[in-house]
Amino acid sequence: MQKYRKRETCWYINSGLFKEISEKELYEEALLKEEKIKKNNSEGSFDKSLLELVDFRRKVDNFFDKVLIMDKIEEVKNNRLNLVNKVYGIYLMIADFSKITCS
């Protein structure tokens, strides 16, 4: 059985490389959600943290609908990948949802 390990990686995101509005919106929302979820989790309010993720989904979906992550410019591509990893890290603050299965 593999134990869940909290993700400790710091992803550098250069907001000056954003070309699309939805990149900026996702980044700003990610910063807000990260702080709210940290606060909620420290208070044991995991239900509130889950509600924050539900609300966050709109920005995440909009980003994936409007942004081509694999840009021709390497710096832009890596910046977008770092943003996606930051978002993933926020979800991991609650649970590793990839481990959930339906039977």
Foldseek 3Di string as FASTA:
>chain_A
DDDDDQDDDDFDADPVLDDDPLLVVLVVLLVVLLVVLVVCVVVVNLVVNVVSVVVSVVSVVVCVVPDDLCDPDPVSNSNSVSSVVSVQSSVVSNNNVVPDDDD
